[in-house]
PDB file of N, CA and C in Angstrom:
ATOM      1  N   UNK A   1      91.446 106.885  88.214  1.00  0.00           N
ATOM      2  CA  UNK A   1      92.512 106.247  87.469  1.00  0.00           C
ATOM      3  C   UNK A   1      91.991 104.926  86.899  1.00  0.00           C
ATOM      4  N   UNK A   2      92.437 104.599  85.709  1.00  0.00           N
ATOM      5  CA  UNK A   2      92.016 103.360  85.065  1.00  0.00           C
ATOM      6  C   UNK A   2      93.253 102.577  84.655  1.00  0.00           C
ATOM      7  N   UNK A   3      93.247 101.274  84.897  1.00  0.00           N
ATOM      8  CA  UNK A   3      94.357 100.415  84.517  1.00  0.00           C
ATOM      9  C   UNK A   3      93.985  99.605  83.290  1.00  0.00           C
ATOM     10  N   UNK A   4      94.918  99.499  82.359  1.00  0.00           N
ATOM     11  CA  UNK A   4      94.736  98.670  81.170  1.00  0.00           C
ATOM     12  C   UNK A   4      95.875  97.658  81.162  1.00  0.00           C
ATOM     13  N   UNK A   5      95.585  96.373  81.404  1.00  0.00           N
ATOM     14  CA  UNK A   5      96.649  95.369  81.457  1.00  0.00           C
ATOM     15  C   UNK A   5      97.288  95.138  80.091  1.00  0.00           C
ATOM     16  N   UNK A   6      98.585  94.832  80.107  1.00  0.00           N
ATOM     17  CA  UNK A   6      99.329  94.570  78.880  1.00  0.00           C
ATOM     18  C   UNK A   6      99.550  93.078  78.702  1.00  0.00           C
ATOM     19  N   UNK A   7      99.755  92.665  77.465  1.00  0.00           N
ATOM     20  CA  UNK A   7     100.115  91.282  77.109  1.00  0.00           C
ATOM     21  C   UNK A   7      99.173  90.276  77.765  1.00  0.00           C
ATOM     22  N   UNK A   8      99.728  89.351  78.573  1.00  0.00           N
ATOM     23  CA  UNK A   8      98.915  88.285  79.171  1.00  0.00           C
ATOM     24  C   UNK A   8      98.520  88.592  80.609  1.00  0.00           C
ATOM     25  N   UNK A   9      98.462  89.863  80.965  1.00  0.00           N
ATOM     26  CA  UNK A   9      98.107  90.256  82.330  1.00  0.00           C
ATOM     27  C   UNK A   9      96.592  90.362  82.490  1.00  0.00           C
ATOM     28  N   UNK A  10      96.128  90.098  83.733  1.00  0.00           N
ATOM     29  CA  UNK A  10      94.707  90.173  84.074  1.00  0.00           C
ATOM     30  C   UNK A  10      94.590  90.919  85.391  1.00  0.00           C
ATOM     31  N   UNK A  11      93.640  91.835  85.492  1.00  0.00           N
ATOM     32  CA  UNK A  11      93.394  92.547  86.748  1.00  0.00           C
ATOM     33  C   UNK A  11      92.202  91.904  87.423  1.00  0.00           C
ATOM     34  N   UNK A  12      92.404  91.476  88.686  1.00  0.00           N
ATOM     35  CA  UNK A  12      91.338  90.814  89.442  1.00  0.00           C
ATOM     36  C   UNK A  12      91.136  91.509  90.779  1.00  0.00           C
ATOM     37  N   UNK A  13      89.941  91.362  91.312  1.00  0.00           N
ATOM     38  CA  UNK A  13      89.623  91.867  92.648  1.00  0.00           C
ATOM     39  C   UNK A  13      89.103  90.696  93.461  1.00  0.00           C
ATOM     40  N   UNK A  14      89.690  90.490  94.630  1.00  0.00           N
ATOM     41  CA  UNK A  14      89.280  89.379  95.480  1.00  0.00           C
ATOM     42  C   UNK A  14      87.850  89.570  95.957  1.00  0.00           C
ATOM     43  N   UNK A  15      87.096  88.480  95.981  1.00  0.00           N
ATOM     44  CA  UNK A  15      85.717  88.488  96.452  1.00  0.00           C
ATOM     45  C   UNK A  15      85.749  88.317  97.962  1.00  0.00           C
ATOM     46  N   UNK A  16      84.911  89.052  98.672  1.00  0.00           N
ATOM     47  CA  UNK A  16      84.897  89.000 100.131  1.00  0.00           C
ATOM     48  C   UNK A  16      84.594  87.602 100.647  1.00  0.00           C
ATOM     49  N   UNK A  17      85.261  87.227 101.730  1.00  0.00           N
ATOM     50  CA  UNK A  17      85.048  85.922 102.354  1.00  0.00           C
ATOM     51  C   UNK A  17      83.725  85.924 103.113  1.00  0.00           C
ATOM     52  N   UNK A  18      83.158  84.748 103.234  1.00  0.00           N
ATOM     53  CA  UNK A  18      81.928  84.600 104.000  1.00  0.00           C
ATOM     54  C   UNK A  18      82.196  84.939 105.466  1.00  0.00           C
ATOM     55  N   UNK A  19      81.264  85.619 106.116  1.00  0.00           N
ATOM     56  CA  UNK A  19      81.449  85.988 107.508  1.00  0.00           C
ATOM     57  C   UNK A  19      80.772  85.015 108.463  1.00  0.00           C
ATOM     58  N   UNK A  20      80.000  84.077 107.908  1.00  0.00           N
ATOM     59  CA  UNK A  20      79.375  83.056 108.749  1.00  0.00           C
ATOM     60  C   UNK A  20      79.659  81.685 108.159  1.00  0.00           C
ATOM     61  N   UNK A  21      79.716  80.685 109.026  1.00  0.00           N
ATOM     62  CA  UNK A  21      79.933  79.320 108.558  1.00  0.00           C
ATOM     63  C   UNK A  21      78.608  78.736 108.095  1.00  0.00           C
ATOM     64  N   UNK A  22      78.641  77.550 107.528  1.00  0.00           N
ATOM     65  CA  UNK A  22      77.402  76.894 107.098  1.00  0.00           C
ATOM     66  C   UNK A  22      76.478  76.648 108.280  1.00  0.00           C
ATOM     67  N   UNK A  23      77.054  76.452 109.475  1.00  0.00           N
ATOM     68  CA  UNK A  23      76.260  76.213 110.674  1.00  0.00           C
ATOM     69  C   UNK A  23      75.725  77.482 111.310  1.00  0.00           C
ATOM     70  N   UNK A  24      76.072  78.659 110.739  1.00  0.00           N
ATOM     71  CA  UNK A  24      75.547  79.917 111.251  1.00  0.00           C
ATOM     72  C   UNK A  24      76.461  80.621 112.247  1.00  0.00           C
ATOM     73  N   UNK A  25      77.674  80.118 112.457  1.00  0.00           N
ATOM     74  CA  UNK A  25      78.605  80.745 113.402  1.00  0.00           C
ATOM     75  C   UNK A  25      79.265  81.938 112.717  1.00  0.00           C
ATOM     76  N   UNK A  26      79.259  83.085 113.394  1.00  0.00           N
ATOM     77  CA  UNK A  26      79.875  84.293 112.853  1.00  0.00           C
ATOM     78  C   UNK A  26      81.367  84.246 113.152  1.00  0.00           C
ATOM     79  N   UNK A  27      82.191  84.450 112.116  1.00  0.00           N
ATOM     80  CA  UNK A  27      83.634  84.375 112.266  1.00  0.00           C
ATOM     81  C   UNK A  27      84.219  85.731 112.648  1.00  0.00           C
ATOM     82  N   UNK A  28      85.182  85.717 113.574  1.00  0.00           N
ATOM     83  CA  UNK A  28      85.909  86.925 113.933  1.00  0.00           C
ATOM     84  C   UNK A  28      86.861  87.270 112.798  1.00  0.00           C
ATOM     85  N   UNK A  29      87.352  88.505 112.765  1.00  0.00           N
ATOM     86  CA  UNK A  29      88.242  88.950 111.702  1.00  0.00           C
ATOM     87  C   UNK A  29      89.466  88.073 111.532  1.00  0.00           C
ATOM     88  N   UNK A  30      90.078  87.636 112.605  1.00  0.00           N
ATOM     89  CA  UNK A  30      91.296  86.833 112.524  1.00  0.00           C
ATOM     90  C   UNK A  30      91.016  85.411 112.053  1.00  0.00           C
ATOM     91  N   UNK A  31      89.791  84.940 112.211  1.00  0.00           N
ATOM     92  CA  UNK A  31      89.461  83.558 111.856  1.00  0.00           C
ATOM     93  C   UNK A  31      89.140  83.402 110.374  1.00  0.00           C
ATOM     94  N   UNK A  32      88.923  84.524 109.688  1.00  0.00           N
ATOM     95  CA  UNK A  32      88.586  84.455 108.267  1.00  0.00           C
ATOM     96  C   UNK A  32      89.825  84.102 107.462  1.00  0.00           C
ATOM     97  N   UNK A  33      89.648  83.250 106.474  1.00  0.00           N
ATOM     98  CA  UNK A  33      90.741  82.924 105.570  1.00  0.00           C
ATOM     99  C   UNK A  33      90.750  83.931 104.434  1.00  0.00           C
ATOM    100  N   UNK A  34      91.916  84.112 103.854  1.00  0.00           N
ATOM    101  CA  UNK A  34      92.026  84.982 102.692  1.00  0.00           C
ATOM    102  C   UNK A  34      91.170  84.387 101.580  1.00  0.00           C
ATOM    103  N   UNK A  35      90.333  85.212 100.934  1.00  0.00           N
ATOM    104  CA  UNK A  35      89.483  84.670  99.877  1.00  0.00           C
ATOM    105  C   UNK A  35      90.312  84.114  98.735  1.00  0.00           C
ATOM    106  N   UNK A  36      89.827  83.057  98.118  1.00  0.00           N
ATOM    107  CA  UNK A  36      90.533  82.427  97.014  1.00  0.00           C
ATOM    108  C   UNK A  36      89.918  82.787  95.676  1.00  0.00           C
ATOM    109  N   UNK A  37      88.676  83.238  95.693  1.00  0.00           N
ATOM    110  CA  UNK A  37      87.964  83.532  94.450  1.00  0.00           C
ATOM    111  C   UNK A  37      88.071  85.028  94.162  1.00  0.00           C
ATOM    112  N   UNK A  38      88.357  85.350  92.900  1.00  0.00           N
ATOM    113  CA  UNK A  38      88.480  86.745  92.489  1.00  0.00           C
ATOM    114  C   UNK A  38      87.628  86.977  91.246  1.00  0.00           C
ATOM    115  N   UNK A  39      87.245  88.232  91.041  1.00  0.00           N
ATOM    116  CA  UNK A  39      86.479  88.602  89.848  1.00  0.00           C
ATOM    117  C   UNK A  39      87.411  89.326  88.884  1.00  0.00           C
ATOM    118  N   UNK A  40      87.335  88.977  87.616  1.00  0.00           N
ATOM    119  CA  UNK A  40      88.174  89.600  86.591  1.00  0.00           C
ATOM    120  C   UNK A  40      87.599  90.971  86.244  1.00  0.00           C
ATOM    121  N   UNK A  41      88.444  92.027  86.374  1.00  0.00           N
ATOM    122  CA  UNK A  41      88.019  93.390  86.076  1.00  0.00           C
ATOM    123  C   UNK A  41      88.484  93.855  84.695  1.00  0.00           C
ATOM    124  N   UNK A  42      89.658  93.372  84.262  1.00  0.00           N
ATOM    125  CA  UNK A  42      90.201  93.759  82.954  1.00  0.00           C
ATOM    126  C   UNK A  42      91.132  92.658  82.461  1.00  0.00           C
ATOM    127  N   UNK A  43      91.219  92.520  81.133  1.00  0.00           N
ATOM    128  CA  UNK A  43      92.032  91.470  80.520  1.00  0.00           C
ATOM    129  C   UNK A  43      92.908  92.099  79.439  1.00  0.00           C
ATOM    130  N   UNK A  44      94.187  91.726  79.444  1.00  0.00           N
ATOM    131  CA  UNK A  44      95.114  92.193  78.418  1.00  0.00           C
ATOM    132  C   UNK A  44      94.795  91.568  77.065  1.00  0.00           C
ATOM    133  N   UNK A  45      95.444  92.044  76.002  1.00  0.00           N
ATOM    134  CA  UNK A  45      95.141  91.557  74.656  1.00  0.00           C
ATOM    135  C   UNK A  45      95.764  90.213  74.292  1.00  0.00           C
ATOM    136  N   UNK A  46      96.695  89.715  75.108  1.00  0.00           N
ATOM    137  CA  UNK A  46      97.379  88.476  74.746  1.00  0.00           C
ATOM    138  C   UNK A  46      98.462  88.777  73.737  1.00  0.00           C
ATOM    139  N   UNK A  47      98.707  87.868  72.804  1.00  0.00           N
ATOM    140  CA  UNK A  47      99.729  88.077  71.781  1.00  0.00           C
ATOM    141  C   UNK A  47     100.993  87.309  72.096  1.00  0.00           C
ATOM    142  N   UNK A  48     102.125  87.768  71.573  1.00  0.00           N
ATOM    143  CA  UNK A  48     103.411  87.100  71.773  1.00  0.00           C
ATOM    144  C   UNK A  48     103.981  87.454  73.147  1.00  0.00           C
ATOM    145  N   UNK A  49     104.199  86.427  73.977  1.00  0.00           N
ATOM    146  CA  UNK A  49     104.786  86.605  75.302  1.00  0.00           C
ATOM    147  C   UNK A  49     105.907  85.588  75.443  1.00  0.00           C
ATOM    148  N   UNK A  50     107.122  86.071  75.645  1.00  0.00           N
ATOM    149  CA  UNK A  50     108.295  85.199  75.768  1.00  0.00           C
ATOM    150  C   UNK A  50     108.421  84.247  74.572  1.00  0.00           C
ATOM    151  N   UNK A  51     108.130  84.743  73.382  1.00  0.00           N
ATOM    152  CA  UNK A  51     108.282  83.948  72.168  1.00  0.00           C
ATOM    153  C   UNK A  51     107.155  82.966  71.892  1.00  0.00           C
ATOM    154  N   UNK A  52     106.106  83.000  72.691  1.00  0.00           N
ATOM    155  CA  UNK A  52     104.979  82.084  72.487  1.00  0.00           C
ATOM    156  C   UNK A  52     103.698  82.886  72.309  1.00  0.00           C
ATOM    157  N   UNK A  53     102.814  82.376  71.467  1.00  0.00           N
ATOM    158  CA  UNK A  53     101.514  83.011  71.254  1.00  0.00           C
ATOM    159  C   UNK A  53     100.599  82.713  72.443  1.00  0.00           C
ATOM    160  N   UNK A  54     100.044  83.754  73.068  1.00  0.00           N
ATOM    161  CA  UNK A  54      99.140  83.578  74.202  1.00  0.00           C
ATOM    162  C   UNK A  54      97.748  84.056  73.800  1.00  0.00           C
ATOM    163  N   UNK A  55      96.771  83.170  73.904  1.00  0.00           N
ATOM    164  CA  UNK A  55      95.371  83.502  73.641  1.00  0.00           C
ATOM    165  C   UNK A  55      94.681  83.626  74.996  1.00  0.00           C
ATOM    166  N   UNK A  56      94.016  84.738  75.216  1.00  0.00           N
ATOM    167  CA  UNK A  56      93.363  84.974  76.508  1.00  0.00           C
ATOM    168  C   UNK A  56      92.069  84.151  76.592  1.00  0.00           C
ATOM    169  N   UNK A  57      91.936  83.368  77.665  1.00  0.00           N
ATOM    170  CA  UNK A  57      90.772  82.503  77.823  1.00  0.00           C
ATOM    171  C   UNK A  57      89.807  83.018  78.889  1.00  0.00           C
ATOM    172  N   UNK A  58      90.208  84.035  79.651  1.00  0.00           N
ATOM    173  CA  UNK A  58      89.307  84.621  80.639  1.00  0.00           C
ATOM    174  C   UNK A  58      88.743  85.917  80.080  1.00  0.00           C
ATOM    175  N   UNK A  59      87.601  86.322  80.616  1.00  0.00           N
ATOM    176  CA  UNK A  59      86.992  87.573  80.167  1.00  0.00           C
ATOM    177  C   UNK A  59      86.500  88.358  81.380  1.00  0.00           C
ATOM    178  N   UNK A  60      86.235  89.615  81.182  1.00  0.00           N
ATOM    179  CA  UNK A  60      85.759  90.483  82.252  1.00  0.00           C
ATOM    180  C   UNK A  60      84.476  89.907  82.838  1.00  0.00           C
ATOM    181  N   UNK A  61      84.416  89.860  84.167  1.00  0.00           N
ATOM    182  CA  UNK A  61      83.233  89.336  84.854  1.00  0.00           C
ATOM    183  C   UNK A  61      83.383  87.902  85.309  1.00  0.00           C
ATOM    184  N   UNK A  62      84.362  87.158  84.756  1.00  0.00           N
ATOM    185  CA  UNK A  62      84.588  85.773  85.186  1.00  0.00           C
ATOM    186  C   UNK A  62      85.014  85.742  86.652  1.00  0.00           C
ATOM    187  N   UNK A  63      84.595  84.704  87.352  1.00  0.00           N
ATOM    188  CA  UNK A  63      85.087  84.423  88.705  1.00  0.00           C
ATOM    189  C   UNK A  63      86.183  83.383  88.546  1.00  0.00           C
ATOM    190  N   UNK A  64      87.355  83.644  89.125  1.00  0.00           N
ATOM    191  CA  UNK A  64      88.500  82.766  88.943  1.00  0.00           C
ATOM    192  C   UNK A  64      89.169  82.460  90.277  1.00  0.00           C
ATOM    193  N   UNK A  65      89.954  81.390  90.286  1.00  0.00           N
ATOM    194  CA  UNK A  65      90.790  81.054  91.431  1.00  0.00           C
ATOM    195  C   UNK A  65      92.232  81.258  90.981  1.00  0.00           C
ATOM    196  N   UNK A  66      92.986  82.060  91.751  1.00  0.00           N
ATOM    197  CA  UNK A  66      94.376  82.348  91.408  1.00  0.00           C
ATOM    198  C   UNK A  66      95.313  81.675  92.401  1.00  0.00           C
ATOM    199  N   UNK A  67      96.579  81.574  92.018  1.00  0.00           N
ATOM    200  CA  UNK A  67      97.592  81.092  92.951  1.00  0.00           C
ATOM    201  C   UNK A  67      97.603  82.027  94.157  1.00  0.00           C
ATOM    202  N   UNK A  68      97.817  81.480  95.331  1.00  0.00           N
ATOM    203  CA  UNK A  68      97.684  82.250  96.568  1.00  0.00           C
ATOM    204  C   UNK A  68      98.616  83.460  96.634  1.00  0.00           C
ATOM    205  N   UNK A  69      99.865  83.306  96.210  1.00  0.00           N
ATOM    206  CA  UNK A  69     100.828  84.399  96.330  1.00  0.00           C
ATOM    207  C   UNK A  69     101.187  85.019  94.985  1.00  0.00           C
ATOM    208  N   UNK A  70     100.344  84.846  93.989  1.00  0.00           N
ATOM    209  CA  UNK A  70     100.631  85.347  92.649  1.00  0.00           C
ATOM    210  C   UNK A  70     100.277  86.824  92.527  1.00  0.00           C
ATOM    211  N   UNK A  71     100.950  87.492  91.616  1.00  0.00           N
ATOM    212  CA  UNK A  71     100.575  88.833  91.218  1.00  0.00           C
ATOM    213  C   UNK A  71     101.133  89.952  92.060  1.00  0.00           C
ATOM    214  N   UNK A  72     100.758  91.150  91.659  1.00  0.00           N
ATOM    215  CA  UNK A  72     101.169  92.381  92.314  1.00  0.00           C
ATOM    216  C   UNK A  72      99.920  93.115  92.769  1.00  0.00           C
ATOM    217  N   UNK A  73      99.878  93.468  94.054  1.00  0.00           N
ATOM    218  CA  UNK A  73      98.714  94.181  94.582  1.00  0.00           C
ATOM    219  C   UNK A  73      98.894  95.681  94.379  1.00  0.00           C
ATOM    220  N   UNK A  74      97.809  96.327  93.924  1.00  0.00           N
ATOM    221  CA  UNK A  74      97.821  97.756  93.629  1.00  0.00           C
ATOM    222  C   UNK A  74      96.558  98.371  94.210  1.00  0.00           C
ATOM    223  N   UNK A  75      96.673  99.590  94.773  1.00  0.00           N
ATOM    224  CA  UNK A  75      95.481 100.308  95.236  1.00  0.00           C
ATOM    225  C   UNK A  75      94.994 101.179  94.097  1.00  0.00           C
ATOM    226  N   UNK A  76      93.721 101.014  93.751  1.00  0.00           N
ATOM    227  CA  UNK A  76      93.114 101.746  92.649  1.00  0.00           C
ATOM    228  C   UNK A  76      91.840 102.398  93.143  1.00  0.00           C
ATOM    229  N   UNK A  77      91.848 103.711  93.248  1.00  0.00           N
ATOM    230  CA  UNK A  77      90.680 104.462  93.732  1.00  0.00           C
ATOM    231  C   UNK A  77      90.178 103.922  95.071  1.00  0.00           C
ATOM    232  N   UNK A  78      91.098 103.610  95.989  1.00  0.00           N
ATOM    233  CA  UNK A  78      90.725 103.140  97.317  1.00  0.00           C
ATOM    234  C   UNK A  78      90.446 101.654  97.412  1.00  0.00           C
ATOM    235  N   UNK A  79      90.418 100.951  96.280  1.00  0.00           N
ATOM    236  CA  UNK A  79      90.183  99.508  96.274  1.00  0.00           C
ATOM    237  C   UNK A  79      91.481  98.788  95.949  1.00  0.00           C
ATOM    238  N   UNK A  80      91.685  97.635  96.586  1.00  0.00           N
ATOM    239  CA  UNK A  80      92.879  96.856  96.318  1.00  0.00           C
ATOM    240  C   UNK A  80      92.590  95.830  95.226  1.00  0.00           C
ATOM    241  N   UNK A  81      93.368  95.888  94.152  1.00  0.00           N
ATOM    242  CA  UNK A  81      93.245  94.931  93.049  1.00  0.00           C
ATOM    243  C   UNK A  81      94.583  94.237  92.872  1.00  0.00           C
ATOM    244  N   UNK A  82      94.575  93.111  92.163  1.00  0.00           N
ATOM    245  CA  UNK A  82      95.787  92.352  91.928  1.00  0.00           C
ATOM    246  C   UNK A  82      95.976  92.169  90.425  1.00  0.00           C
ATOM    247  N   UNK A  83      97.203  92.373  89.965  1.00  0.00           N
ATOM    248  CA  UNK A  83      97.539  92.152  88.563  1.00  0.00           C
ATOM    249  C   UNK A  83      98.294  90.831  88.490  1.00  0.00           C
ATOM    250  N   UNK A  84      97.734  89.871  87.756  1.00  0.00           N
ATOM    251  CA  UNK A  84      98.342  88.542  87.631  1.00  0.00           C
ATOM    252  C   UNK A  84      98.517  88.200  86.157  1.00  0.00           C
ATOM    253  N   UNK A  85      99.396  87.253  85.883  1.00  0.00           N
ATOM    254  CA  UNK A  85      99.506  86.706  84.533  1.00  0.00           C
ATOM    255  C   UNK A  85      98.396  85.668  84.361  1.00  0.00           C
ATOM    256  N   UNK A  86      97.952  85.470  83.137  1.00  0.00           N
ATOM    257  CA  UNK A  86      96.899  84.487  82.908  1.00  0.00           C
ATOM    258  C   UNK A  86      97.308  83.095  83.392  1.00  0.00           C
ATOM    259  N   UNK A  87      98.606  82.733  83.296  1.00  0.00           N
ATOM    260  CA  UNK A  87      99.012  81.399  83.734  1.00  0.00           C
ATOM    261  C   UNK A  87      99.038  81.250  85.254  1.00  0.00           C
ATOM    262  N   UNK A  88      98.815  82.345  86.017  1.00  0.00           N
ATOM    263  CA  UNK A  88      98.662  82.258  87.471  1.00  0.00           C
ATOM    264  C   UNK A  88      97.213  81.978  87.866  1.00  0.00           C
ATOM    265  N   UNK A  89      96.298  82.001  86.890  1.00  0.00           N
ATOM    266  CA  UNK A  89      94.891  81.674  87.147  1.00  0.00           C
ATOM    267  C   UNK A  89      94.745  80.163  87.032  1.00  0.00           C
ATOM    268  N   UNK A  90      94.250  79.547  88.103  1.00  0.00           N
ATOM    269  CA  UNK A  90      94.164  78.100  88.169  1.00  0.00           C
ATOM    270  C   UNK A  90      92.878  77.551  87.580  1.00  0.00           C
ATOM    271  N   UNK A  91      91.769  78.291  87.736  1.00  0.00           N
ATOM    272  CA  UNK A  91      90.480  77.783  87.274  1.00  0.00           C
ATOM    273  C   UNK A  91      89.482  78.925  87.138  1.00  0.00           C
ATOM    274  N   UNK A  92      88.480  78.713  86.300  1.00  0.00           N
ATOM    275  CA  UNK A  92      87.326  79.614  86.197  1.00  0.00           C
ATOM    276  C   UNK A  92      86.197  78.971  86.966  1.00  0.00           C
ATOM    277  N   UNK A  93      85.572  79.721  87.875  1.00  0.00           N
ATOM    278  CA  UNK A  93      84.481  79.203  88.691  1.00  0.00           C
ATOM    279  C   UNK A  93      83.178  79.387  87.913  1.00  0.00           C
ATOM    280  N   UNK A  94      82.438  78.270  87.739  1.00  0.00           N
ATOM    281  CA  UNK A  94      81.166  78.346  86.991  1.00  0.00           C
ATOM    282  C   UNK A  94      79.994  78.195  87.920  1.00  0.00           C
TER     283      UNK A  94
END
């Protein structure tokens, strides 16, 4: 199955959290924080959204930081992805 986002929607996949700390300590499953960085898998075309022109500023392959509780989670071919609006993306990681 393939998803094609509409309007100002972006499909992202969360990047796995580090399993060791900088000091080399291995973290247990419960101690890991939810990852904040996601990779953009697909980008909608933009256009008129709620009466305003939206120009898409992210592109496929970008690493981004999204709002923690933003978007809708969907299972796609066994992988969990999130569909968010572009305005729920806080920053592009360079």
